[in-house]
Amino acid sequence: MSDHEVVLGKIVGVFGVKGWVKVQSFSSPIENIFSYKSWVLEFPDSSRKQSKLREGKRQGKGLVASLEGVADRDEARMLVGSVIKVAIDQLPELEQGDFYWYQLEGLEVSTVQGEKLGVVDHLMETGSNDVMVVKPTQDGIDERERLIPYLPGQVVQNVELEKRLITVDWDPDF
């Protein structure tokens, strides 16, 4: 993945016969993916295709989209399995202290006592709050994977992007 792009979703199926695709969105709220008109579709074989969003809408609990140049079900089927990326510079500026998930992935996680727990592999939504999945590292205190709630001011004490470090108030035995 390019350092200048972020994954916002995935094309997971076809919808109807006019070339619409089913979209799984990783944005919050999920419709925000339609704020971006210029998509890069990246396929499992790493090939890429520039694409323009013509229209997007909710369909039941999910989302569907129409892309320029995709007019029938067969063309749409060729896009299934691709991830949807956008240029990072298209993302809106966040307020001080807010971060995009991609900014937190790969950061080292240490306790306030200085114990190294590992690095953030990815984050996941649980409904009540986001959770960091922290994978162990060679210089970490043990070989355990940890699920740590992303709760700024409670569990998460500090995020320092420049130092690539997240400091947490977390019991390593938990």
N, C-alpha and C. Protein backbone atom coordinates (compact mmCIF):
# COMPACT_ATOMS: atom_id res chain seq x y z
N MET A 1 0.84 -1.18 0.00
CA MET A 1 0.00 0.00 0.00
C MET A 1 0.88 1.24 0.00
N SER A 2 0.48 2.19 -0.76
CA SER A 2 1.20 3.45 -0.81
C SER A 2 1.04 4.18 0.52
N ASP A 3 2.11 4.87 0.94
CA ASP A 3 2.03 5.66 2.17
C ASP A 3 1.11 6.86 1.99
N HIS A 4 0.71 7.11 0.77
CA HIS A 4 -0.11 8.29 0.48
C HIS A 4 -1.57 7.94 0.27
N GLU A 5 -1.94 6.68 0.56
CA GLU A 5 -3.32 6.24 0.41
C GLU A 5 -3.77 5.52 1.67
N VAL A 6 -5.10 5.50 1.85
CA VAL A 6 -5.68 4.79 2.98
C VAL A 6 -6.86 3.97 2.45
N VAL A 7 -7.03 2.77 3.01
CA VAL A 7 -8.15 1.90 2.62
C VAL A 7 -9.41 2.39 3.32
N LEU A 8 -10.46 2.65 2.53
CA LEU A 8 -11.73 3.10 3.09
C LEU A 8 -12.83 2.06 2.99
N GLY A 9 -12.59 0.99 2.22
CA GLY A 9 -13.63 0.00 2.08
C GLY A 9 -13.23 -1.09 1.12
N LYS A 10 -14.26 -1.86 0.74
CA LYS A 10 -14.02 -3.03 -0.12
C LYS A 10 -15.27 -3.27 -0.96
N ILE A 11 -15.06 -3.72 -2.19
CA ILE A 11 -16.19 -4.11 -3.03
C ILE A 11 -16.44 -5.60 -2.77
N VAL A 12 -17.64 -5.91 -2.27
CA VAL A 12 -17.91 -7.27 -1.77
C VAL A 12 -18.94 -8.05 -2.60
N GLY A 13 -19.55 -7.39 -3.59
CA GLY A 13 -20.53 -8.11 -4.39
C GLY A 13 -21.10 -7.23 -5.48
N VAL A 14 -22.00 -7.82 -6.26
CA VAL A 14 -22.69 -7.05 -7.31
C VAL A 14 -24.13 -6.83 -6.86
N PHE A 15 -24.75 -5.77 -7.41
CA PHE A 15 -26.11 -5.42 -7.04
C PHE A 15 -26.87 -5.09 -8.32
N GLY A 16 -27.89 -5.86 -8.61
CA GLY A 16 -28.70 -5.60 -9.79
C GLY A 16 -27.99 -5.94 -11.08
N VAL A 17 -28.52 -5.44 -12.21
CA VAL A 17 -27.97 -5.78 -13.52
C VAL A 17 -27.34 -4.60 -14.23
N LYS A 18 -27.34 -3.42 -13.60
CA LYS A 18 -26.85 -2.21 -14.26
C LYS A 18 -25.44 -1.82 -13.83
N GLY A 19 -24.67 -2.77 -13.26
CA GLY A 19 -23.28 -2.49 -12.94
C GLY A 19 -23.03 -1.94 -11.55
N TRP A 20 -24.04 -1.93 -10.69
CA TRP A 20 -23.84 -1.46 -9.32
C TRP A 20 -23.09 -2.52 -8.52
N VAL A 21 -22.32 -2.06 -7.53
CA VAL A 21 -21.57 -2.97 -6.67
C VAL A 21 -21.98 -2.77 -5.22
N LYS A 22 -21.86 -3.84 -4.42
CA LYS A 22 -22.07 -3.75 -2.97
C LYS A 22 -20.74 -3.33 -2.35
N VAL A 23 -20.81 -2.38 -1.42
CA VAL A 23 -19.62 -1.81 -0.81
C VAL A 23 -19.63 -2.04 0.69
N GLN A 24 -18.51 -2.55 1.21
CA GLN A 24 -18.31 -2.61 2.67
C GLN A 24 -17.45 -1.39 3.01
N SER A 25 -17.97 -0.52 3.85
CA SER A 25 -17.27 0.73 4.19
C SER A 25 -16.60 0.61 5.55
N PHE A 26 -15.36 1.10 5.62
CA PHE A 26 -14.63 1.15 6.89
C PHE A 26 -14.68 2.55 7.49
N SER A 27 -15.45 3.46 6.89
CA SER A 27 -15.53 4.83 7.41
C SER A 27 -16.66 4.91 8.43
N SER A 28 -16.67 5.97 9.19
CA SER A 28 -17.69 6.16 10.20
C SER A 28 -18.21 7.59 10.14
N PRO A 29 -19.52 7.80 9.91
CA PRO A 29 -20.52 6.81 9.55
C PRO A 29 -20.21 6.19 8.18
N ILE A 30 -20.79 5.02 7.91
CA ILE A 30 -20.38 4.27 6.73
C ILE A 30 -20.61 5.03 5.42
N GLU A 31 -21.60 5.90 5.37
CA GLU A 31 -21.87 6.65 4.14
C GLU A 31 -20.76 7.64 3.79
N ASN A 32 -19.87 7.94 4.73
CA ASN A 32 -18.79 8.89 4.46
C ASN A 32 -17.91 8.46 3.29
N ILE A 33 -17.89 7.17 2.98
CA ILE A 33 -17.08 6.71 1.85
C ILE A 33 -17.53 7.39 0.56
N PHE A 34 -18.80 7.80 0.50
CA PHE A 34 -19.31 8.46 -0.71
C PHE A 34 -18.90 9.92 -0.80
N SER A 35 -18.21 10.44 0.21
CA SER A 35 -17.68 11.81 0.16
C SER A 35 -16.50 11.89 -0.80
N TYR A 36 -15.93 10.75 -1.13
CA TYR A 36 -14.73 10.69 -1.97
C TYR A 36 -15.13 10.20 -3.35
N LYS A 37 -14.92 11.03 -4.35
CA LYS A 37 -15.37 10.70 -5.71
C LYS A 37 -14.32 9.95 -6.50
N SER A 38 -13.06 10.08 -6.13
CA SER A 38 -11.96 9.45 -6.86
C SER A 38 -11.43 8.28 -6.04
N TRP A 39 -11.67 7.06 -6.52
CA TRP A 39 -11.24 5.86 -5.83
C TRP A 39 -10.13 5.17 -6.61
N VAL A 40 -9.22 4.54 -5.88
CA VAL A 40 -8.27 3.62 -6.49
C VAL A 40 -8.71 2.23 -6.02
N LEU A 41 -9.01 1.36 -6.98
CA LEU A 41 -9.37 -0.01 -6.65
C LEU A 41 -8.12 -0.86 -6.76
N GLU A 42 -7.79 -1.55 -5.66
CA GLU A 42 -6.61 -2.41 -5.67
C GLU A 42 -7.08 -3.85 -5.52
N PHE A 43 -6.63 -4.70 -6.43
CA PHE A 43 -7.07 -6.09 -6.50
C PHE A 43 -6.10 -6.99 -5.75
N PRO A 44 -6.55 -8.21 -5.40
CA PRO A 44 -5.68 -9.13 -4.65
C PRO A 44 -4.32 -9.38 -5.32
N ASP A 45 -4.26 -9.29 -6.65
CA ASP A 45 -2.98 -9.49 -7.35
C ASP A 45 -2.13 -8.22 -7.38
N SER A 46 -2.54 -7.18 -6.63
CA SER A 46 -1.87 -5.87 -6.53
C SER A 46 -2.05 -4.98 -7.75
N SER A 47 -2.81 -5.43 -8.75
CA SER A 47 -3.11 -4.53 -9.86
C SER A 47 -4.07 -3.45 -9.35
N ARG A 48 -4.08 -2.31 -10.05
CA ARG A 48 -4.85 -1.17 -9.60
C ARG A 48 -5.65 -0.57 -10.75
N LYS A 49 -6.74 0.08 -10.38
CA LYS A 49 -7.59 0.72 -11.39
C LYS A 49 -8.15 2.01 -10.80
N GLN A 50 -7.95 3.13 -11.52
CA GLN A 50 -8.56 4.40 -11.12
C GLN A 50 -10.05 4.30 -11.39
N SER A 51 -10.86 4.82 -10.49
CA SER A 51 -12.31 4.74 -10.66
C SER A 51 -12.96 6.00 -10.11
N LYS A 52 -14.06 6.39 -10.73
CA LYS A 52 -14.80 7.56 -10.25
C LYS A 52 -16.18 7.11 -9.78
N LEU A 53 -16.56 7.57 -8.60
CA LEU A 53 -17.88 7.27 -8.04
C LEU A 53 -18.91 8.12 -8.78
N ARG A 54 -19.92 7.46 -9.35
CA ARG A 54 -21.01 8.18 -10.01
C ARG A 54 -22.12 8.45 -9.00
N GLU A 55 -22.45 7.40 -8.22
CA GLU A 55 -23.54 7.53 -7.23
C GLU A 55 -23.37 6.46 -6.18
N GLY A 56 -23.75 6.78 -4.95
CA GLY A 56 -23.71 5.80 -3.87
C GLY A 56 -24.91 6.00 -2.97
N LYS A 57 -25.41 4.89 -2.39
CA LYS A 57 -26.57 5.01 -1.52
C LYS A 57 -26.66 3.81 -0.59
N ARG A 58 -27.47 3.98 0.46
CA ARG A 58 -27.77 2.87 1.37
C ARG A 58 -28.72 1.92 0.68
N GLN A 59 -28.52 0.63 0.93
CA GLN A 59 -29.43 -0.38 0.41
C GLN A 59 -29.62 -1.40 1.53
N GLY A 60 -30.75 -1.34 2.22
CA GLY A 60 -30.95 -2.19 3.39
C GLY A 60 -29.95 -1.76 4.46
N LYS A 61 -29.18 -2.72 5.00
CA LYS A 61 -28.18 -2.39 6.03
C LYS A 61 -26.83 -2.04 5.41
N GLY A 62 -26.69 -2.25 4.10
CA GLY A 62 -25.40 -2.02 3.45
C GLY A 62 -25.40 -0.84 2.52
N LEU A 63 -24.37 -0.78 1.68
CA LEU A 63 -24.21 0.30 0.72
C LEU A 63 -24.04 -0.28 -0.67
N VAL A 64 -24.51 0.48 -1.67
CA VAL A 64 -24.26 0.12 -3.05
C VAL A 64 -23.75 1.36 -3.78
N ALA A 65 -22.97 1.12 -4.85
CA ALA A 65 -22.37 2.23 -5.58
C ALA A 65 -22.39 1.95 -7.08
N SER A 66 -22.46 3.04 -7.82
CA SER A 66 -22.35 3.00 -9.27
C SER A 66 -21.06 3.74 -9.64
N LEU A 67 -20.21 3.08 -10.42
CA LEU A 67 -18.93 3.67 -10.82
C LEU A 67 -18.95 3.98 -12.31
N GLU A 68 -18.29 5.08 -12.69
CA GLU A 68 -18.21 5.45 -14.10
C GLU A 68 -17.57 4.31 -14.89
N GLY A 69 -18.15 4.03 -16.08
CA GLY A 69 -17.58 3.02 -16.96
C GLY A 69 -17.97 1.60 -16.62
N VAL A 70 -18.80 1.41 -15.59
CA VAL A 70 -19.24 0.06 -15.22
C VAL A 70 -20.75 0.02 -15.47
N ALA A 71 -21.15 -0.67 -16.56
CA ALA A 71 -22.54 -0.56 -17.01
C ALA A 71 -23.35 -1.86 -16.86
N ASP A 72 -22.67 -2.98 -16.58
CA ASP A 72 -23.45 -4.21 -16.44
C ASP A 72 -22.87 -5.10 -15.35
N ARG A 73 -23.62 -6.14 -15.05
CA ARG A 73 -23.29 -7.05 -13.96
C ARG A 73 -21.93 -7.73 -14.16
N ASP A 74 -21.60 -8.09 -15.40
CA ASP A 74 -20.31 -8.75 -15.67
C ASP A 74 -19.13 -7.83 -15.37
N GLU A 75 -19.24 -6.55 -15.78
CA GLU A 75 -18.17 -5.58 -15.48
C GLU A 75 -18.06 -5.38 -13.97
N ALA A 76 -19.21 -5.31 -13.29
CA ALA A 76 -19.21 -5.12 -11.84
C ALA A 76 -18.57 -6.31 -11.13
N ARG A 77 -18.86 -7.52 -11.62
CA ARG A 77 -18.33 -8.74 -10.99
C ARG A 77 -16.80 -8.73 -11.00
N MET A 78 -16.19 -8.13 -12.03
CA MET A 78 -14.73 -8.08 -12.13
C MET A 78 -14.10 -7.23 -11.01
N LEU A 79 -14.90 -6.38 -10.36
CA LEU A 79 -14.39 -5.48 -9.31
C LEU A 79 -14.48 -6.10 -7.91
N VAL A 80 -15.26 -7.17 -7.77
CA VAL A 80 -15.49 -7.79 -6.46
C VAL A 80 -14.16 -8.29 -5.90
N GLY A 81 -13.91 -7.98 -4.63
CA GLY A 81 -12.67 -8.38 -3.96
C GLY A 81 -11.64 -7.28 -3.92
N SER A 82 -11.88 -6.20 -4.66
CA SER A 82 -10.91 -5.10 -4.63
C SER A 82 -11.14 -4.23 -3.40
N VAL A 83 -10.06 -3.64 -2.90
CA VAL A 83 -10.18 -2.68 -1.80
C VAL A 83 -10.26 -1.28 -2.39
N ILE A 84 -10.97 -0.42 -1.69
CA ILE A 84 -11.17 0.96 -2.13
C ILE A 84 -10.21 1.85 -1.35
N LYS A 85 -9.34 2.54 -2.09
CA LYS A 85 -8.37 3.44 -1.46
C LYS A 85 -8.61 4.86 -1.94
N VAL A 86 -8.26 5.81 -1.09
CA VAL A 86 -8.26 7.21 -1.49
C VAL A 86 -6.96 7.84 -1.02
N ALA A 87 -6.60 8.92 -1.68
CA ALA A 87 -5.39 9.64 -1.30
C ALA A 87 -5.58 10.25 0.08
N ILE A 88 -4.56 10.13 0.92
CA ILE A 88 -4.64 10.66 2.28
C ILE A 88 -4.93 12.16 2.28
N ASP A 89 -4.40 12.88 1.27
CA ASP A 89 -4.64 14.33 1.27
C ASP A 89 -6.10 14.69 0.96
N GLN A 90 -6.93 13.71 0.62
CA GLN A 90 -8.37 13.96 0.45
C GLN A 90 -9.11 13.90 1.79
N LEU A 91 -8.49 13.30 2.81
CA LEU A 91 -9.16 13.15 4.10
C LEU A 91 -9.27 14.51 4.79
N PRO A 92 -10.39 14.75 5.48
CA PRO A 92 -10.52 16.03 6.19
C PRO A 92 -9.54 16.13 7.37
N GLU A 93 -9.13 17.35 7.67
CA GLU A 93 -8.28 17.60 8.84
C GLU A 93 -9.05 17.23 10.09
N LEU A 94 -8.37 16.59 11.04
CA LEU A 94 -9.01 16.24 12.31
C LEU A 94 -8.67 17.29 13.36
N GLU A 95 -9.48 17.33 14.39
CA GLU A 95 -9.20 18.23 15.50
C GLU A 95 -7.99 17.72 16.28
N GLN A 96 -7.34 18.62 16.99
CA GLN A 96 -6.18 18.26 17.82
C GLN A 96 -6.56 17.10 18.75
N GLY A 97 -5.73 16.06 18.78
CA GLY A 97 -5.99 14.93 19.66
C GLY A 97 -6.81 13.82 19.02
N ASP A 98 -7.35 14.05 17.82
CA ASP A 98 -8.06 13.00 17.10
C ASP A 98 -7.13 12.39 16.05
N PHE A 99 -7.32 11.10 15.78
CA PHE A 99 -6.44 10.40 14.85
C PHE A 99 -7.25 9.48 13.97
N TYR A 100 -6.76 9.29 12.74
CA TYR A 100 -7.30 8.24 11.89
C TYR A 100 -6.67 6.92 12.33
N TRP A 101 -7.39 5.83 12.15
CA TRP A 101 -6.87 4.52 12.53
C TRP A 101 -5.54 4.23 11.86
N TYR A 102 -5.41 4.58 10.56
CA TYR A 102 -4.16 4.27 9.86
C TYR A 102 -2.95 4.94 10.52
N GLN A 103 -3.18 6.07 11.21
CA GLN A 103 -2.08 6.77 11.88
C GLN A 103 -1.61 6.01 13.13
N LEU A 104 -2.50 5.24 13.74
CA LEU A 104 -2.17 4.51 14.97
C LEU A 104 -1.56 3.14 14.70
N GLU A 105 -1.87 2.57 13.53
CA GLU A 105 -1.35 1.24 13.20
C GLU A 105 0.17 1.30 13.07
N GLY A 106 0.85 0.35 13.74
CA GLY A 106 2.31 0.30 13.69
C GLY A 106 2.98 1.06 14.82
N LEU A 107 2.21 1.82 15.63
CA LEU A 107 2.81 2.54 16.75
C LEU A 107 3.09 1.57 17.89
N GLU A 108 4.19 1.83 18.61
CA GLU A 108 4.53 1.02 19.78
C GLU A 108 3.60 1.40 20.93
N VAL A 109 3.24 0.41 21.74
CA VAL A 109 2.37 0.64 22.90
C VAL A 109 3.16 0.30 24.16
N SER A 110 3.26 1.29 25.06
CA SER A 110 3.94 1.09 26.35
C SER A 110 3.01 1.52 27.48
N THR A 111 3.21 0.91 28.65
CA THR A 111 2.44 1.33 29.82
C THR A 111 3.04 2.62 30.37
N VAL A 112 2.31 3.27 31.27
CA VAL A 112 2.83 4.48 31.90
C VAL A 112 4.09 4.17 32.71
N GLN A 113 4.27 2.90 33.09
CA GLN A 113 5.48 2.48 33.81
C GLN A 113 6.64 2.17 32.85
N GLY A 114 6.39 2.27 31.54
CA GLY A 114 7.46 2.05 30.57
C GLY A 114 7.60 0.62 30.07
N GLU A 115 6.63 -0.25 30.40
CA GLU A 115 6.69 -1.64 29.93
C GLU A 115 6.17 -1.69 28.49
N LYS A 116 6.98 -2.28 27.60
CA LYS A 116 6.61 -2.36 26.18
C LYS A 116 5.65 -3.54 25.96
N LEU A 117 4.44 -3.23 25.49
CA LEU A 117 3.43 -4.26 25.28
C LEU A 117 3.43 -4.80 23.85
N GLY A 118 3.91 -4.02 22.90
CA GLY A 118 3.92 -4.43 21.50
C GLY A 118 3.59 -3.28 20.59
N VAL A 119 3.07 -3.60 19.39
CA VAL A 119 2.67 -2.57 18.42
C VAL A 119 1.22 -2.77 18.02
N VAL A 120 0.57 -1.66 17.65
CA VAL A 120 -0.81 -1.71 17.19
C VAL A 120 -0.83 -2.37 15.81
N ASP A 121 -1.45 -3.55 15.74
CA ASP A 121 -1.59 -4.24 14.46
C ASP A 121 -2.75 -3.64 13.68
N HIS A 122 -3.89 -3.47 14.34
CA HIS A 122 -5.06 -2.84 13.74
C HIS A 122 -6.04 -2.47 14.85
N LEU A 123 -7.10 -1.78 14.48
CA LEU A 123 -8.15 -1.42 15.42
C LEU A 123 -9.44 -2.05 14.95
N MET A 124 -10.35 -2.23 15.90
CA MET A 124 -11.67 -2.75 15.53
C MET A 124 -12.74 -2.04 16.35
N GLU A 125 -13.91 -1.98 15.74
CA GLU A 125 -15.05 -1.35 16.39
C GLU A 125 -15.81 -2.42 17.16
N THR A 126 -16.19 -2.12 18.39
CA THR A 126 -16.92 -3.11 19.18
C THR A 126 -18.33 -2.64 19.52
N GLY A 127 -18.66 -1.42 19.16
CA GLY A 127 -19.97 -0.88 19.52
C GLY A 127 -19.83 0.14 20.62
N SER A 128 -19.27 -0.27 21.77
CA SER A 128 -19.12 0.69 22.87
C SER A 128 -17.90 1.58 22.67
N ASN A 129 -16.80 1.01 22.19
CA ASN A 129 -15.60 1.79 21.93
C ASN A 129 -14.70 1.03 20.96
N ASP A 130 -13.74 1.74 20.39
CA ASP A 130 -12.77 1.08 19.51
C ASP A 130 -11.75 0.34 20.36
N VAL A 131 -11.17 -0.71 19.78
CA VAL A 131 -10.20 -1.53 20.49
C VAL A 131 -8.94 -1.66 19.64
N MET A 132 -7.78 -1.47 20.29
CA MET A 132 -6.50 -1.67 19.61
C MET A 132 -6.10 -3.13 19.77
N VAL A 133 -5.72 -3.77 18.68
CA VAL A 133 -5.18 -5.12 18.73
C VAL A 133 -3.66 -4.95 18.73
N VAL A 134 -3.05 -5.27 19.87
CA VAL A 134 -1.62 -5.04 20.07
C VAL A 134 -0.88 -6.37 19.98
N LYS A 135 -0.02 -6.47 18.97
CA LYS A 135 0.77 -7.70 18.75
C LYS A 135 2.10 -7.58 19.49
N PRO A 136 2.61 -8.70 20.02
CA PRO A 136 3.89 -8.66 20.73
C PRO A 136 5.06 -8.34 19.79
N THR A 137 6.14 -7.81 20.38
CA THR A 137 7.36 -7.53 19.62
C THR A 137 8.52 -8.21 20.34
N GLN A 138 9.66 -8.26 19.65
CA GLN A 138 10.85 -8.91 20.22
C GLN A 138 11.27 -8.28 21.54
N ASP A 139 11.18 -6.93 21.62
CA ASP A 139 11.63 -6.27 22.85
C ASP A 139 10.48 -6.03 23.83
N GLY A 140 9.33 -6.67 23.58
CA GLY A 140 8.19 -6.52 24.47
C GLY A 140 8.34 -7.38 25.73
N ILE A 141 7.44 -7.18 26.68
CA ILE A 141 7.55 -7.88 27.96
C ILE A 141 7.16 -9.34 27.89
N ASP A 142 6.38 -9.74 26.86
CA ASP A 142 5.98 -11.14 26.71
C ASP A 142 5.51 -11.38 25.28
N GLU A 143 4.95 -12.56 25.03
CA GLU A 143 4.53 -12.94 23.68
C GLU A 143 3.01 -12.87 23.50
N ARG A 144 2.33 -12.11 24.35
CA ARG A 144 0.87 -12.07 24.33
C ARG A 144 0.33 -11.00 23.38
N GLU A 145 -0.74 -11.36 22.67
CA GLU A 145 -1.50 -10.36 21.93
C GLU A 145 -2.50 -9.76 22.92
N ARG A 146 -2.70 -8.47 22.87
CA ARG A 146 -3.62 -7.81 23.80
C ARG A 146 -4.68 -7.02 23.05
N LEU A 147 -5.86 -6.98 23.62
CA LEU A 147 -6.94 -6.13 23.14
C LEU A 147 -7.09 -5.01 24.16
N ILE A 148 -6.75 -3.80 23.75
CA ILE A 148 -6.74 -2.65 24.66
C ILE A 148 -7.75 -1.62 24.17
N PRO A 149 -8.72 -1.24 25.02
CA PRO A 149 -9.71 -0.24 24.59
C PRO A 149 -9.03 1.08 24.22
N TYR A 150 -9.47 1.66 23.09
CA TYR A 150 -8.95 2.97 22.70
C TYR A 150 -9.86 4.02 23.35
N LEU A 151 -9.49 4.37 24.58
CA LEU A 151 -10.27 5.34 25.36
C LEU A 151 -9.33 6.47 25.80
N PRO A 152 -9.19 7.52 24.96
CA PRO A 152 -8.32 8.64 25.32
C PRO A 152 -8.74 9.27 26.65
N GLY A 153 -7.74 9.56 27.49
CA GLY A 153 -8.01 10.17 28.79
C GLY A 153 -8.32 9.15 29.87
N GLN A 154 -8.66 7.93 29.47
CA GLN A 154 -8.91 6.86 30.45
C GLN A 154 -7.78 5.83 30.34
N VAL A 155 -7.83 5.01 29.28
CA VAL A 155 -6.78 4.01 29.07
C VAL A 155 -5.60 4.63 28.30
N VAL A 156 -5.92 5.30 27.20
CA VAL A 156 -4.87 5.92 26.36
C VAL A 156 -4.49 7.26 26.98
N GLN A 157 -3.26 7.34 27.47
CA GLN A 157 -2.79 8.55 28.14
C GLN A 157 -2.17 9.55 27.16
N ASN A 158 -1.49 9.02 26.13
CA ASN A 158 -0.78 9.91 25.22
C ASN A 158 -0.54 9.21 23.89
N VAL A 159 -0.68 9.94 22.80
CA VAL A 159 -0.33 9.46 21.47
C VAL A 159 0.68 10.44 20.90
N GLU A 160 1.89 9.93 20.60
CA GLU A 160 2.95 10.76 20.03
C GLU A 160 3.32 10.20 18.67
N LEU A 161 2.71 10.78 17.61
CA LEU A 161 2.96 10.28 16.26
C LEU A 161 4.43 10.38 15.89
N GLU A 162 5.08 11.50 16.29
CA GLU A 162 6.49 11.71 15.93
C GLU A 162 7.38 10.63 16.55
N LYS A 163 7.07 10.24 17.78
CA LYS A 163 7.86 9.20 18.47
C LYS A 163 7.33 7.80 18.16
N ARG A 164 6.21 7.72 17.41
CA ARG A 164 5.57 6.44 17.08
C ARG A 164 5.24 5.65 18.34
N LEU A 165 4.63 6.35 19.33
CA LEU A 165 4.39 5.76 20.65
C LEU A 165 3.01 6.11 21.19
N ILE A 166 2.35 5.09 21.74
CA ILE A 166 1.10 5.28 22.47
C ILE A 166 1.36 4.82 23.90
N THR A 167 1.08 5.70 24.87
CA THR A 167 1.25 5.36 26.28
C THR A 167 -0.13 5.06 26.86
N VAL A 168 -0.22 3.89 27.53
CA VAL A 168 -1.51 3.46 28.07
C VAL A 168 -1.39 3.21 29.57
N ASP A 169 -2.51 3.46 30.27
CA ASP A 169 -2.63 3.10 31.67
C ASP A 169 -3.35 1.74 31.66
N TRP A 170 -2.54 0.67 31.61
CA TRP A 170 -3.10 -0.66 31.39
C TRP A 170 -2.27 -1.68 32.15
N ASP A 171 -2.93 -2.59 32.83
CA ASP A 171 -2.26 -3.64 33.57
C ASP A 171 -1.78 -4.71 32.57
N PRO A 172 -0.46 -4.92 32.46
CA PRO A 172 0.05 -5.88 31.48
C PRO A 172 -0.45 -7.31 31.71
N ASP A 173 -0.90 -7.62 32.92
CA ASP A 173 -1.40 -8.97 33.20
C ASP A 173 -2.84 -9.16 32.71
N PHE A 174 -3.47 -8.07 32.29
CA PHE A 174 -4.86 -8.14 31.86
C PHE A 174 -4.94 -8.53 30.39
